[in-house]
Amino acid sequence: MDFTKIIKFSGGFLLLLLLIFFQLSFIDNLATPWSYCNFIFILIFFTVLLINYQLGFWLTMVSGLFLEIYSPLIFGAIFISLVLTVIIVNFLFNLFFPNRSLYSLLILSAGGTICFHFFNFLYLNLAYWLNFSSLRIIFSKDYFFTISWQLFFTLIILVVVFLLLQLFTKRFKSVFLVEGRR
């Protein structure tokens, strides 16, 4: 294996760990609406939809395992929900969205956030009904409030990051093909 690949992998892994620890130690302890900002979702959706699915899937696996370690929920609630969400988002991206635009990023990220909470809701309630957990999630206005704020922050931060990258790089700029005269 090449030395530069080892350095890139180690640096990326370290940055991912720093982002996870920043999310768990700082963001989760902020006041109520601000604590629903989830930088892990943002990184995963951005990577899966705009950079590379395989890299995004590995980021999902690693971050899901680390988030499971620090989660008070039953084991597998975050990891399984996150992996299923990434698989579905990638499937929808390949099936319905032909380009890597801001609109496809926003639609699939919104759907992915809702899918994650739906799978998490199903997993936790299934564990409750099978007596694996004493935690039962009830769909109430507080639960809807949580999903709404997380969706809002995810979409706003994704727009800002996308527009900044579009401003400073040529990778995400729109290209129009004009048919020449015959």
N, C-alpha and C. Protein backbone atom coordinates (compact mmCIF):
# COMPACT_ATOMS: atom_id res chain seq x y z
N MET A 1 0.85 -1.19 0.00
CA MET A 1 0.00 0.00 0.00
C MET A 1 0.89 1.24 0.00
N ASP A 2 0.47 2.24 -0.71
CA ASP A 2 1.23 3.46 -0.86
C ASP A 2 1.19 4.28 0.43
N PHE A 3 2.29 4.96 0.73
CA PHE A 3 2.40 5.74 1.95
C PHE A 3 1.43 6.92 1.96
N THR A 4 1.20 7.53 0.80
CA THR A 4 0.27 8.66 0.75
C THR A 4 -1.17 8.22 1.01
N LYS A 5 -1.52 7.00 0.59
CA LYS A 5 -2.86 6.48 0.88
C LYS A 5 -3.03 6.25 2.38
N ILE A 6 -1.98 5.78 3.02
CA ILE A 6 -2.04 5.55 4.47
C ILE A 6 -2.21 6.88 5.20
N ILE A 7 -1.49 7.90 4.76
CA ILE A 7 -1.61 9.23 5.37
C ILE A 7 -3.01 9.81 5.16
N LYS A 8 -3.55 9.68 3.94
CA LYS A 8 -4.90 10.18 3.65
C LYS A 8 -5.94 9.45 4.49
N PHE A 9 -5.81 8.13 4.57
CA PHE A 9 -6.77 7.35 5.35
C PHE A 9 -6.69 7.72 6.83
N SER A 10 -5.47 7.82 7.36
CA SER A 10 -5.31 8.17 8.78
C SER A 10 -5.84 9.57 9.07
N GLY A 11 -5.54 10.50 8.18
CA GLY A 11 -6.03 11.87 8.37
C GLY A 11 -7.54 11.95 8.29
N GLY A 12 -8.13 11.25 7.33
CA GLY A 12 -9.59 11.23 7.22
C GLY A 12 -10.25 10.59 8.42
N PHE A 13 -9.67 9.50 8.89
CA PHE A 13 -10.21 8.81 10.06
C PHE A 13 -10.11 9.71 11.30
N LEU A 14 -8.99 10.40 11.45
CA LEU A 14 -8.83 11.31 12.59
C LEU A 14 -9.82 12.46 12.51
N LEU A 15 -10.03 13.02 11.31
CA LEU A 15 -11.01 14.11 11.16
C LEU A 15 -12.43 13.62 11.46
N LEU A 16 -12.75 12.40 11.05
CA LEU A 16 -14.06 11.84 11.35
C LEU A 16 -14.24 11.67 12.86
N LEU A 17 -13.22 11.16 13.54
CA LEU A 17 -13.30 11.01 14.99
C LEU A 17 -13.45 12.35 15.69
N LEU A 18 -12.73 13.35 15.22
CA LEU A 18 -12.86 14.69 15.81
C LEU A 18 -14.26 15.25 15.60
N LEU A 19 -14.84 15.04 14.43
CA LEU A 19 -16.20 15.50 14.17
C LEU A 19 -17.21 14.77 15.05
N ILE A 20 -17.02 13.47 15.23
CA ILE A 20 -17.92 12.70 16.09
C ILE A 20 -17.83 13.18 17.53
N PHE A 21 -16.61 13.38 18.02
CA PHE A 21 -16.46 13.85 19.39
C PHE A 21 -16.95 15.28 19.57
N PHE A 22 -16.80 16.12 18.54
CA PHE A 22 -17.35 17.48 18.58
C PHE A 22 -18.87 17.43 18.65
N GLN A 23 -19.46 16.54 17.86
CA GLN A 23 -20.92 16.37 17.86
C GLN A 23 -21.40 15.90 19.23
N LEU A 24 -20.74 14.89 19.77
CA LEU A 24 -21.21 14.30 21.02
C LEU A 24 -20.93 15.17 22.24
N SER A 25 -19.80 15.86 22.26
CA SER A 25 -19.45 16.61 23.47
C SER A 25 -19.90 18.06 23.45
N PHE A 26 -20.00 18.67 22.28
CA PHE A 26 -20.34 20.08 22.24
C PHE A 26 -21.75 20.34 21.71
N ILE A 27 -22.05 19.86 20.52
CA ILE A 27 -23.33 20.17 19.88
C ILE A 27 -24.50 19.58 20.66
N ASP A 28 -24.37 18.35 21.12
CA ASP A 28 -25.47 17.72 21.85
C ASP A 28 -25.77 18.38 23.18
N ASN A 29 -24.86 19.20 23.69
CA ASN A 29 -25.06 19.87 24.97
C ASN A 29 -25.48 21.33 24.84
N LEU A 30 -25.77 21.77 23.65
CA LEU A 30 -26.24 23.13 23.45
C LEU A 30 -27.72 23.25 23.84
N ALA A 31 -28.23 24.46 23.78
CA ALA A 31 -29.64 24.70 24.09
C ALA A 31 -30.53 23.98 23.07
N THR A 32 -31.80 23.85 23.38
CA THR A 32 -32.72 22.97 22.67
C THR A 32 -32.74 23.08 21.15
N PRO A 33 -32.99 24.18 20.51
CA PRO A 33 -33.04 24.04 19.05
C PRO A 33 -31.67 23.77 18.44
N TRP A 34 -30.61 24.31 19.04
CA TRP A 34 -29.27 24.17 18.46
C TRP A 34 -28.70 22.77 18.65
N SER A 35 -29.17 22.05 19.62
CA SER A 35 -28.64 20.70 19.87
C SER A 35 -29.14 19.69 18.84
N TYR A 36 -30.09 20.07 18.02
CA TYR A 36 -30.60 19.15 17.00
C TYR A 36 -29.79 19.20 15.71
N CYS A 37 -28.78 20.05 15.65
CA CYS A 37 -27.91 20.12 14.49
C CYS A 37 -27.02 18.87 14.49
N ASN A 38 -27.05 18.11 13.41
CA ASN A 38 -26.32 16.86 13.35
C ASN A 38 -25.29 16.91 12.21
N PHE A 39 -24.04 17.19 12.58
CA PHE A 39 -22.99 17.30 11.58
C PHE A 39 -22.61 15.95 10.97
N ILE A 40 -22.90 14.88 11.66
CA ILE A 40 -22.60 13.54 11.12
C ILE A 40 -23.52 13.27 9.92
N PHE A 41 -24.81 13.59 10.04
CA PHE A 41 -25.73 13.44 8.91
C PHE A 41 -25.26 14.28 7.72
N ILE A 42 -24.87 15.50 8.01
CA ILE A 42 -24.45 16.41 6.95
C ILE A 42 -23.24 15.85 6.21
N LEU A 43 -22.26 15.38 6.95
CA LEU A 43 -21.07 14.80 6.33
C LEU A 43 -21.42 13.55 5.52
N ILE A 44 -22.26 12.70 6.07
CA ILE A 44 -22.61 11.46 5.38
C ILE A 44 -23.42 11.76 4.11
N PHE A 45 -24.45 12.59 4.19
CA PHE A 45 -25.25 12.90 3.01
C PHE A 45 -24.42 13.59 1.94
N PHE A 46 -23.58 14.52 2.37
CA PHE A 46 -22.74 15.22 1.41
C PHE A 46 -21.79 14.25 0.72
N THR A 47 -21.19 13.36 1.47
CA THR A 47 -20.24 12.41 0.90
C THR A 47 -20.93 11.41 -0.02
N VAL A 48 -22.05 10.86 0.42
CA VAL A 48 -22.75 9.85 -0.39
C VAL A 48 -23.28 10.46 -1.68
N LEU A 49 -23.86 11.63 -1.60
CA LEU A 49 -24.53 12.20 -2.76
C LEU A 49 -23.62 12.98 -3.71
N LEU A 50 -22.56 13.56 -3.19
CA LEU A 50 -21.77 14.43 -4.05
C LEU A 50 -20.34 13.96 -4.29
N ILE A 51 -19.83 13.08 -3.46
CA ILE A 51 -18.44 12.67 -3.64
C ILE A 51 -18.35 11.22 -4.11
N ASN A 52 -18.66 10.27 -3.22
CA ASN A 52 -18.48 8.87 -3.56
C ASN A 52 -19.33 8.03 -2.61
N TYR A 53 -20.11 7.11 -3.16
CA TYR A 53 -20.98 6.28 -2.33
C TYR A 53 -20.17 5.35 -1.43
N GLN A 54 -19.12 4.74 -1.95
CA GLN A 54 -18.35 3.80 -1.14
C GLN A 54 -17.71 4.50 0.05
N LEU A 55 -17.14 5.68 -0.18
CA LEU A 55 -16.56 6.44 0.92
C LEU A 55 -17.63 6.84 1.92
N GLY A 56 -18.78 7.26 1.42
CA GLY A 56 -19.88 7.63 2.31
C GLY A 56 -20.40 6.44 3.10
N PHE A 57 -20.42 5.27 2.48
CA PHE A 57 -20.87 4.08 3.20
C PHE A 57 -19.90 3.72 4.32
N TRP A 58 -18.59 3.82 4.05
CA TRP A 58 -17.62 3.54 5.11
C TRP A 58 -17.68 4.58 6.22
N LEU A 59 -17.91 5.83 5.85
CA LEU A 59 -18.11 6.87 6.88
C LEU A 59 -19.34 6.55 7.73
N THR A 60 -20.37 6.03 7.09
CA THR A 60 -21.59 5.65 7.80
C THR A 60 -21.31 4.52 8.78
N MET A 61 -20.58 3.52 8.33
CA MET A 61 -20.27 2.37 9.18
C MET A 61 -19.45 2.80 10.40
N VAL A 62 -18.40 3.57 10.17
CA VAL A 62 -17.52 3.98 11.27
C VAL A 62 -18.23 4.93 12.22
N SER A 63 -18.89 5.94 11.66
CA SER A 63 -19.58 6.90 12.54
C SER A 63 -20.76 6.25 13.25
N GLY A 64 -21.45 5.33 12.59
CA GLY A 64 -22.55 4.63 13.24
C GLY A 64 -22.08 3.81 14.43
N LEU A 65 -20.95 3.14 14.29
CA LEU A 65 -20.40 2.36 15.40
C LEU A 65 -19.97 3.26 16.56
N PHE A 66 -19.31 4.37 16.24
CA PHE A 66 -18.90 5.28 17.31
C PHE A 66 -20.09 5.95 17.98
N LEU A 67 -21.11 6.30 17.21
CA LEU A 67 -22.30 6.89 17.82
C LEU A 67 -23.05 5.88 18.68
N GLU A 68 -22.97 4.60 18.32
CA GLU A 68 -23.60 3.55 19.12
C GLU A 68 -22.94 3.41 20.48
N ILE A 69 -21.63 3.59 20.51
CA ILE A 69 -20.90 3.46 21.77
C ILE A 69 -21.39 4.48 22.79
N TYR A 70 -21.67 5.68 22.34
CA TYR A 70 -22.06 6.76 23.25
C TYR A 70 -23.56 7.00 23.30
N SER A 71 -24.33 6.13 22.72
CA SER A 71 -25.78 6.32 22.68
C SER A 71 -26.45 5.63 23.88
N PRO A 72 -27.45 6.27 24.47
CA PRO A 72 -28.19 5.61 25.55
C PRO A 72 -29.25 4.64 25.04
N LEU A 73 -29.42 4.58 23.72
CA LEU A 73 -30.44 3.70 23.14
C LEU A 73 -29.95 2.27 23.08
N ILE A 74 -30.86 1.35 22.78
CA ILE A 74 -30.51 -0.05 22.64
C ILE A 74 -29.51 -0.20 21.48
N PHE A 75 -28.60 -1.16 21.60
CA PHE A 75 -27.54 -1.31 20.60
C PHE A 75 -28.14 -1.61 19.23
N GLY A 76 -27.70 -0.88 18.25
CA GLY A 76 -28.13 -1.09 16.87
C GLY A 76 -29.13 -0.06 16.40
N ALA A 77 -29.70 0.72 17.28
CA ALA A 77 -30.74 1.68 16.88
C ALA A 77 -30.18 2.72 15.91
N ILE A 78 -29.05 3.27 16.22
CA ILE A 78 -28.48 4.30 15.36
C ILE A 78 -27.79 3.66 14.16
N PHE A 79 -27.01 2.63 14.40
CA PHE A 79 -26.22 2.01 13.33
C PHE A 79 -27.12 1.44 12.22
N ILE A 80 -28.10 0.66 12.59
CA ILE A 80 -28.98 0.04 11.59
C ILE A 80 -29.80 1.10 10.86
N SER A 81 -30.31 2.07 11.58
CA SER A 81 -31.09 3.14 10.95
C SER A 81 -30.23 3.95 9.98
N LEU A 82 -29.01 4.22 10.37
CA LEU A 82 -28.12 5.01 9.53
C LEU A 82 -27.71 4.24 8.27
N VAL A 83 -27.39 2.98 8.41
CA VAL A 83 -26.98 2.18 7.25
C VAL A 83 -28.15 2.00 6.28
N LEU A 84 -29.34 1.69 6.80
CA LEU A 84 -30.51 1.55 5.91
C LEU A 84 -30.83 2.86 5.21
N THR A 85 -30.69 3.95 5.91
CA THR A 85 -30.95 5.26 5.31
C THR A 85 -29.99 5.55 4.16
N VAL A 86 -28.71 5.27 4.37
CA VAL A 86 -27.73 5.54 3.32
C VAL A 86 -27.97 4.64 2.11
N ILE A 87 -28.33 3.40 2.33
CA ILE A 87 -28.62 2.50 1.21
C ILE A 87 -29.83 2.99 0.42
N ILE A 88 -30.88 3.40 1.10
CA ILE A 88 -32.08 3.89 0.42
C ILE A 88 -31.81 5.21 -0.31
N VAL A 89 -31.08 6.12 0.33
CA VAL A 89 -30.77 7.39 -0.30
C VAL A 89 -29.94 7.17 -1.57
N ASN A 90 -28.96 6.28 -1.51
CA ASN A 90 -28.16 6.00 -2.70
C ASN A 90 -29.00 5.34 -3.79
N PHE A 91 -29.88 4.45 -3.41
CA PHE A 91 -30.77 3.81 -4.39
C PHE A 91 -31.65 4.85 -5.08
N LEU A 92 -32.24 5.74 -4.31
CA LEU A 92 -33.09 6.79 -4.89
C LEU A 92 -32.27 7.75 -5.75
N PHE A 93 -31.06 8.04 -5.31
CA PHE A 93 -30.20 8.93 -6.09
C PHE A 93 -29.87 8.32 -7.45
N ASN A 94 -29.52 7.05 -7.47
CA ASN A 94 -29.18 6.38 -8.73
C ASN A 94 -30.41 6.18 -9.62
N LEU A 95 -31.58 6.04 -9.02
CA LEU A 95 -32.78 5.75 -9.78
C LEU A 95 -33.45 7.01 -10.35
N PHE A 96 -33.50 8.08 -9.56
CA PHE A 96 -34.30 9.24 -9.94
C PHE A 96 -33.54 10.52 -10.22
N PHE A 97 -32.32 10.66 -9.72
CA PHE A 97 -31.62 11.95 -9.84
C PHE A 97 -30.37 11.77 -10.69
N PRO A 98 -30.36 12.32 -11.90
CA PRO A 98 -29.24 12.09 -12.80
C PRO A 98 -28.01 12.96 -12.54
N ASN A 99 -28.13 14.01 -11.72
CA ASN A 99 -26.99 14.90 -11.53
C ASN A 99 -26.76 15.19 -10.05
N ARG A 100 -25.64 15.80 -9.80
CA ARG A 100 -25.27 16.17 -8.43
C ARG A 100 -25.54 17.66 -8.24
N SER A 101 -26.80 17.99 -8.13
CA SER A 101 -27.18 19.40 -8.00
C SER A 101 -27.61 19.68 -6.56
N LEU A 102 -27.80 20.96 -6.29
CA LEU A 102 -28.26 21.38 -4.97
C LEU A 102 -29.64 20.83 -4.67
N TYR A 103 -30.50 20.79 -5.69
CA TYR A 103 -31.87 20.32 -5.49
C TYR A 103 -31.90 18.83 -5.13
N SER A 104 -31.11 18.03 -5.83
CA SER A 104 -31.09 16.61 -5.50
C SER A 104 -30.48 16.39 -4.12
N LEU A 105 -29.47 17.18 -3.77
CA LEU A 105 -28.87 17.08 -2.43
C LEU A 105 -29.90 17.39 -1.35
N LEU A 106 -30.67 18.46 -1.55
CA LEU A 106 -31.65 18.86 -0.54
C LEU A 106 -32.81 17.87 -0.43
N ILE A 107 -33.32 17.42 -1.56
CA ILE A 107 -34.45 16.48 -1.53
C ILE A 107 -34.05 15.16 -0.89
N LEU A 108 -32.90 14.64 -1.31
CA LEU A 108 -32.48 13.34 -0.75
C LEU A 108 -32.01 13.45 0.69
N SER A 109 -31.45 14.58 1.08
CA SER A 109 -31.06 14.76 2.48
C SER A 109 -32.28 14.89 3.38
N ALA A 110 -33.29 15.61 2.90
CA ALA A 110 -34.54 15.71 3.67
C ALA A 110 -35.19 14.34 3.79
N GLY A 111 -35.26 13.61 2.67
CA GLY A 111 -35.81 12.26 2.73
C GLY A 111 -34.98 11.33 3.59
N GLY A 112 -33.66 11.49 3.55
CA GLY A 112 -32.79 10.67 4.38
C GLY A 112 -32.96 10.94 5.87
N THR A 113 -33.11 12.20 6.22
CA THR A 113 -33.33 12.54 7.64
C THR A 113 -34.65 11.95 8.13
N ILE A 114 -35.68 12.05 7.32
CA ILE A 114 -36.98 11.49 7.70
C ILE A 114 -36.91 9.97 7.74
N CYS A 115 -36.21 9.38 6.78
CA CYS A 115 -36.04 7.91 6.77
C CYS A 115 -35.31 7.44 8.01
N PHE A 116 -34.24 8.15 8.39
CA PHE A 116 -33.48 7.76 9.58
C PHE A 116 -34.39 7.75 10.81
N HIS A 117 -35.16 8.79 10.99
CA HIS A 117 -36.04 8.84 12.16
C HIS A 117 -37.14 7.79 12.09
N PHE A 118 -37.62 7.50 10.90
CA PHE A 118 -38.64 6.46 10.73
C PHE A 118 -38.07 5.09 11.10
N PHE A 119 -36.88 4.76 10.59
CA PHE A 119 -36.25 3.47 10.92
C PHE A 119 -35.90 3.39 12.40
N ASN A 120 -35.44 4.49 12.96
CA ASN A 120 -35.12 4.52 14.38
C ASN A 120 -36.39 4.32 15.22
N PHE A 121 -37.47 4.97 14.81
CA PHE A 121 -38.76 4.82 15.49
C PHE A 121 -39.23 3.36 15.44
N LEU A 122 -39.16 2.74 14.25
CA LEU A 122 -39.57 1.34 14.11
C LEU A 122 -38.70 0.40 14.93
N TYR A 123 -37.39 0.61 14.88
CA TYR A 123 -36.46 -0.27 15.59
C TYR A 123 -36.67 -0.19 17.11
N LEU A 124 -36.81 1.02 17.62
CA LEU A 124 -36.97 1.18 19.07
C LEU A 124 -38.33 0.65 19.55
N ASN A 125 -39.37 0.86 18.77
CA ASN A 125 -40.68 0.33 19.17
C ASN A 125 -40.74 -1.19 19.03
N LEU A 126 -40.06 -1.74 18.03
CA LEU A 126 -39.99 -3.19 17.90
C LEU A 126 -39.23 -3.79 19.09
N ALA A 127 -38.14 -3.15 19.49
CA ALA A 127 -37.39 -3.62 20.66
C ALA A 127 -38.24 -3.51 21.93
N TYR A 128 -39.06 -2.49 22.01
CA TYR A 128 -39.94 -2.35 23.17
C TYR A 128 -40.99 -3.46 23.20
N TRP A 129 -41.60 -3.73 22.06
CA TRP A 129 -42.65 -4.75 22.01
C TRP A 129 -42.10 -6.17 22.19
N LEU A 130 -40.83 -6.38 21.84
CA LEU A 130 -40.21 -7.69 22.05
C LEU A 130 -39.52 -7.79 23.41
N ASN A 131 -39.70 -6.79 24.26
CA ASN A 131 -39.15 -6.73 25.62
C ASN A 131 -37.63 -6.73 25.65
N PHE A 132 -37.00 -6.14 24.63
CA PHE A 132 -35.55 -5.96 24.66
C PHE A 132 -35.17 -4.63 25.26
N SER A 133 -36.11 -3.73 25.33
CA SER A 133 -35.84 -2.38 25.82
C SER A 133 -37.07 -1.87 26.56
N SER A 134 -36.82 -1.01 27.54
CA SER A 134 -37.94 -0.39 28.26
C SER A 134 -38.28 0.98 27.69
N LEU A 135 -37.53 1.42 26.67
CA LEU A 135 -37.76 2.71 26.06
C LEU A 135 -38.75 2.58 24.91
N ARG A 136 -39.81 3.35 24.98
CA ARG A 136 -40.81 3.37 23.91
C ARG A 136 -40.91 4.78 23.37
N ILE A 137 -40.82 4.89 22.07
CA ILE A 137 -40.92 6.20 21.41
C ILE A 137 -42.37 6.40 20.97
N ILE A 138 -42.93 7.51 21.36
CA ILE A 138 -44.31 7.85 20.99
C ILE A 138 -44.26 9.02 20.03
N PHE A 139 -44.98 8.90 18.93
CA PHE A 139 -45.01 9.98 17.95
C PHE A 139 -45.90 11.09 18.50
N SER A 140 -45.26 12.13 18.98
CA SER A 140 -45.97 13.27 19.57
C SER A 140 -45.45 14.55 18.95
N LYS A 141 -45.96 15.67 19.44
CA LYS A 141 -45.51 16.94 18.88
C LYS A 141 -44.05 17.22 19.25
N ASP A 142 -43.58 16.71 20.38
CA ASP A 142 -42.17 16.87 20.74
C ASP A 142 -41.26 16.09 19.79
N TYR A 143 -41.68 14.89 19.43
CA TYR A 143 -40.92 14.08 18.49
C TYR A 143 -40.91 14.75 17.11
N PHE A 144 -42.04 15.27 16.69
CA PHE A 144 -42.14 15.99 15.42
C PHE A 144 -41.30 17.26 15.46
N PHE A 145 -41.26 17.95 16.61
CA PHE A 145 -40.45 19.14 16.81
C PHE A 145 -38.97 18.81 16.63
N THR A 146 -38.53 17.71 17.19
CA THR A 146 -37.14 17.27 17.07
C THR A 146 -36.77 17.00 15.62
N ILE A 147 -37.62 16.27 14.92
CA ILE A 147 -37.35 15.94 13.52
C ILE A 147 -37.35 17.22 12.67
N SER A 148 -38.27 18.13 12.94
CA SER A 148 -38.36 19.37 12.17
C SER A 148 -37.11 20.23 12.34
N TRP A 149 -36.64 20.38 13.57
CA TRP A 149 -35.44 21.18 13.79
C TRP A 149 -34.21 20.52 13.18
N GLN A 150 -34.11 19.23 13.29
CA GLN A 150 -32.96 18.55 12.71
C GLN A 150 -32.98 18.66 11.18
N LEU A 151 -34.15 18.54 10.61
CA LEU A 151 -34.29 18.69 9.16
C LEU A 151 -33.92 20.11 8.73
N PHE A 152 -34.39 21.10 9.46
CA PHE A 152 -34.10 22.49 9.16
C PHE A 152 -32.60 22.77 9.19
N PHE A 153 -31.93 22.37 10.28
CA PHE A 153 -30.49 22.62 10.41
C PHE A 153 -29.68 21.85 9.37
N THR A 154 -30.07 20.63 9.09
CA THR A 154 -29.36 19.83 8.09
C THR A 154 -29.43 20.50 6.72
N LEU A 155 -30.61 20.92 6.32
CA LEU A 155 -30.77 21.54 5.01
C LEU A 155 -30.07 22.89 4.90
N ILE A 156 -30.14 23.70 5.93
CA ILE A 156 -29.48 25.01 5.90
C ILE A 156 -27.97 24.85 5.81
N ILE A 157 -27.40 23.97 6.61
CA ILE A 157 -25.94 23.79 6.58
C ILE A 157 -25.50 23.17 5.26
N LEU A 158 -26.28 22.24 4.72
CA LEU A 158 -25.95 21.67 3.42
C LEU A 158 -25.97 22.71 2.31
N VAL A 159 -26.92 23.63 2.34
CA VAL A 159 -26.97 24.70 1.35
C VAL A 159 -25.73 25.58 1.46
N VAL A 160 -25.38 25.96 2.68
CA VAL A 160 -24.21 26.82 2.88
C VAL A 160 -22.93 26.12 2.40
N VAL A 161 -22.74 24.87 2.79
CA VAL A 161 -21.54 24.14 2.38
C VAL A 161 -21.51 23.95 0.86
N PHE A 162 -22.63 23.60 0.27
CA PHE A 162 -22.69 23.41 -1.18
C PHE A 162 -22.36 24.71 -1.91
N LEU A 163 -22.95 25.83 -1.48
CA LEU A 163 -22.70 27.10 -2.15
C LEU A 163 -21.26 27.57 -1.96
N LEU A 164 -20.68 27.32 -0.79
CA LEU A 164 -19.28 27.67 -0.58
C LEU A 164 -18.36 26.83 -1.47
N LEU A 165 -18.63 25.56 -1.57
CA LEU A 165 -17.83 24.71 -2.44
C LEU A 165 -18.03 25.07 -3.91
N GLN A 166 -19.22 25.46 -4.27
CA GLN A 166 -19.49 25.86 -5.64
C GLN A 166 -18.77 27.17 -5.96
N LEU A 167 -18.64 28.03 -4.97
CA LEU A 167 -17.97 29.31 -5.16
C LEU A 167 -16.46 29.14 -5.32
N PHE A 168 -15.88 28.22 -4.53
CA PHE A 168 -14.42 28.09 -4.51
C PHE A 168 -13.86 26.97 -5.38
N THR A 169 -14.70 26.06 -5.86
CA THR A 169 -14.20 24.99 -6.73
C THR A 169 -15.02 24.97 -8.01
N LYS A 170 -14.51 24.28 -9.00
CA LYS A 170 -15.24 24.15 -10.26
C LYS A 170 -16.00 22.84 -10.33
N ARG A 171 -15.91 22.04 -9.29
CA ARG A 171 -16.48 20.71 -9.33
C ARG A 171 -18.01 20.71 -9.41
N PHE A 172 -18.67 21.62 -8.72
CA PHE A 172 -20.13 21.60 -8.64
C PHE A 172 -20.78 22.70 -9.46
N LYS A 173 -20.07 23.31 -10.39
CA LYS A 173 -20.65 24.36 -11.23
C LYS A 173 -21.49 23.72 -12.33
N SER A 174 -22.56 24.40 -12.70
CA SER A 174 -23.43 23.91 -13.76
C SER A 174 -22.75 24.10 -15.11
N VAL A 175 -22.93 23.14 -15.96
CA VAL A 175 -22.37 23.20 -17.30
C VAL A 175 -23.53 23.04 -18.28
N PHE A 176 -23.63 23.97 -19.21
CA PHE A 176 -24.69 23.91 -20.20
C PHE A 176 -24.06 23.53 -21.55
N LEU A 177 -24.66 22.55 -22.16
CA LEU A 177 -24.18 22.13 -23.47
C LEU A 177 -25.04 22.80 -24.53
N VAL A 178 -24.39 23.50 -25.43
CA VAL A 178 -25.09 24.20 -26.50
C VAL A 178 -24.80 23.46 -27.79
N GLU A 179 -25.86 23.13 -28.50
CA GLU A 179 -25.70 22.42 -29.75
C GLU A 179 -25.21 23.40 -30.82
N GLY A 180 -24.15 23.01 -31.50
CA GLY A 180 -23.59 23.86 -32.54
C GLY A 180 -24.40 23.79 -33.82
N ARG A 181 -24.11 24.70 -34.72
CA ARG A 181 -24.78 24.72 -36.01
C ARG A 181 -24.27 23.60 -36.87
N ARG A 182 -25.16 23.07 -37.67
CA ARG A 182 -24.76 21.97 -38.55
C ARG A 182 -24.51 22.44 -39.93
